[in-house]
């Protein structure tokens, strides 16, 4: 069983920065996928960035060059978000354990409760 707890959301103006953190507990292996997803009102949940725990990372096209995912000790997942845009406004979720890191939301086994990010223009 893996427990995930996100923190770091908030409200910023366009162009600002936020850093999201996800603390994982209950899993000792390093080699498992962890990802950030987001869901805006009325939209489907989408993958933002993922890490396999061995240095392979990926980003959705819209955040490339602005967001950076990093992972420490296999149990901490960070998302540094710079140059935020109003379109980034969403609930952000940390997810862990999937057959492959770039996966549909329903393929991820564990989820955090989410943290809200709001970007005003």
Protein backbone atom coordinates (compact mmCIF):
# COMPACT_ATOMS: atom_id res chain seq x y z
CA UNK A 1 0.00 0.00 0.00
CA UNK A 2 1.31 3.44 -0.95
CA UNK A 3 0.12 6.67 0.61
CA UNK A 4 0.66 9.91 -1.28
CA UNK A 5 0.34 13.39 0.17
CA UNK A 6 0.62 16.49 -2.01
CA UNK A 7 1.40 20.01 -0.91
CA UNK A 8 2.47 23.31 -2.38
CA UNK A 9 -0.52 24.46 -4.39
CA UNK A 10 -1.83 27.99 -4.25
CA UNK A 11 -2.80 31.06 -6.21
CA UNK A 12 -0.39 33.05 -8.34
CA UNK A 13 -0.50 35.52 -11.17
CA UNK A 14 0.47 34.57 -14.68
CA UNK A 15 4.22 34.33 -15.00
CA UNK A 16 4.64 33.25 -11.41
CA UNK A 17 6.01 30.03 -9.97
CA UNK A 18 4.90 27.29 -7.62
CA UNK A 19 6.51 24.09 -6.43
CA UNK A 20 4.41 21.04 -5.70
CA UNK A 21 5.60 18.23 -3.45
CA UNK A 22 4.39 14.68 -3.11
CA UNK A 23 5.50 12.55 -0.19
CA UNK A 24 5.15 8.81 -0.64
CA UNK A 25 5.12 6.24 2.12
CA UNK A 26 4.55 2.51 2.34
CA UNK A 27 6.68 1.48 -0.65
CA UNK A 28 10.38 0.75 -0.46
CA UNK A 29 11.27 0.05 -4.08
CA UNK A 30 12.85 2.82 -6.11
CA UNK A 31 11.83 1.60 -9.51
CA UNK A 32 8.22 2.53 -9.85
CA UNK A 33 6.48 5.17 -11.87
CA UNK A 34 5.34 8.38 -10.25
CA UNK A 35 3.53 11.09 -12.11
CA UNK A 36 1.76 14.38 -11.80
CA UNK A 37 -1.69 14.67 -13.30
CA UNK A 38 -4.05 17.62 -13.38
CA UNK A 39 -7.72 18.11 -13.87
CA UNK A 40 -9.42 21.38 -14.68
CA UNK A 41 -13.16 21.85 -14.16
CA UNK A 42 -15.12 20.17 -16.92
CA UNK A 43 -12.04 18.53 -18.40
CA UNK A 44 -10.53 15.08 -18.26
CA UNK A 45 -7.59 14.32 -16.02
CA UNK A 46 -4.37 14.62 -17.99
CA UNK A 47 -0.80 13.59 -17.39
CA UNK A 48 1.61 16.46 -16.81
CA UNK A 49 4.96 14.82 -16.06
CA UNK A 50 6.27 11.43 -15.03
CA UNK A 51 9.38 9.82 -13.56
CA UNK A 52 10.39 6.17 -13.57
CA UNK A 53 12.74 6.50 -10.63
CA UNK A 54 15.83 5.80 -12.74
CA UNK A 55 16.19 9.15 -14.44
CA UNK A 56 13.73 8.78 -17.29
CA UNK A 57 11.22 11.60 -17.27
CA UNK A 58 8.60 12.88 -19.64
CA UNK A 59 6.38 15.93 -19.97
CA UNK A 60 3.21 16.76 -21.75
CA UNK A 61 3.90 19.18 -24.59
CA UNK A 62 2.17 22.19 -23.05
CA UNK A 63 4.47 22.32 -20.01
CA UNK A 64 7.82 21.55 -21.63
CA UNK A 65 10.37 24.21 -20.80
CA UNK A 66 8.26 25.55 -17.93
CA UNK A 67 7.80 22.61 -15.54
CA UNK A 68 10.48 20.39 -14.05
CA UNK A 69 9.80 17.07 -12.34
CA UNK A 70 12.33 15.67 -9.89
CA UNK A 71 12.47 12.76 -7.55
CA UNK A 72 14.40 12.17 -4.35
CA UNK A 73 14.95 8.93 -2.49
CA UNK A 74 12.18 7.27 -4.47
CA UNK A 75 9.70 8.75 -2.01
CA UNK A 76 9.54 12.43 -2.82
CA UNK A 77 8.26 13.80 -6.08
CA UNK A 78 8.53 17.48 -6.87
CA UNK A 79 7.10 19.59 -9.64
CA UNK A 80 8.66 22.99 -10.14
CA UNK A 81 6.28 25.11 -12.19
CA UNK A 82 7.60 28.33 -13.70
CA UNK A 83 6.05 30.88 -16.02
CA UNK A 84 2.60 29.69 -15.05
CA UNK A 85 -0.31 30.42 -17.36
CA UNK A 86 -4.03 30.68 -16.61
CA UNK A 87 -4.44 27.45 -18.60
CA UNK A 88 -2.42 25.67 -15.90
CA UNK A 89 -5.23 26.23 -13.40
CA UNK A 90 -6.34 22.82 -12.16
CA UNK A 91 -6.31 20.36 -9.32
CA UNK A 92 -2.93 18.64 -9.41
CA UNK A 93 -2.59 15.03 -8.33
CA UNK A 94 0.35 12.81 -7.54
CA UNK A 95 0.03 9.22 -8.72
CA UNK A 96 2.19 6.15 -8.30
CA UNK A 97 2.60 2.63 -9.65
CA UNK A 98 1.56 1.90 -13.19
CA UNK A 99 2.60 -0.64 -15.84
CA UNK A 100 4.38 2.17 -17.67
CA UNK A 101 4.96 5.75 -16.65
CA UNK A 102 3.13 7.37 -19.54
CA UNK A 103 -0.23 5.88 -18.76
CA UNK A 104 -3.91 6.65 -18.51
CA UNK A 105 -5.15 7.79 -15.12
CA UNK A 106 -7.00 4.50 -14.59
CA UNK A 107 -3.73 2.62 -14.99
CA UNK A 108 -2.21 4.27 -11.93
CA UNK A 109 -2.83 2.39 -8.73
CA UNK A 110 -2.32 5.02 -6.02
CA UNK A 111 -3.41 8.64 -5.83
CA UNK A 112 -3.01 11.58 -3.54
CA UNK A 113 -5.85 13.85 -2.54
CA UNK A 114 -4.81 16.66 -4.87
CA UNK A 115 -3.65 20.23 -4.45
CA UNK A 116 -5.24 23.22 -6.17
CA UNK A 117 -3.26 25.50 -8.44
CA UNK A 118 -4.92 28.71 -9.59
CA UNK A 119 -3.26 31.10 -12.02
CA UNK A 120 -4.85 34.47 -12.65
CA UNK A 121 -4.24 36.64 -15.67
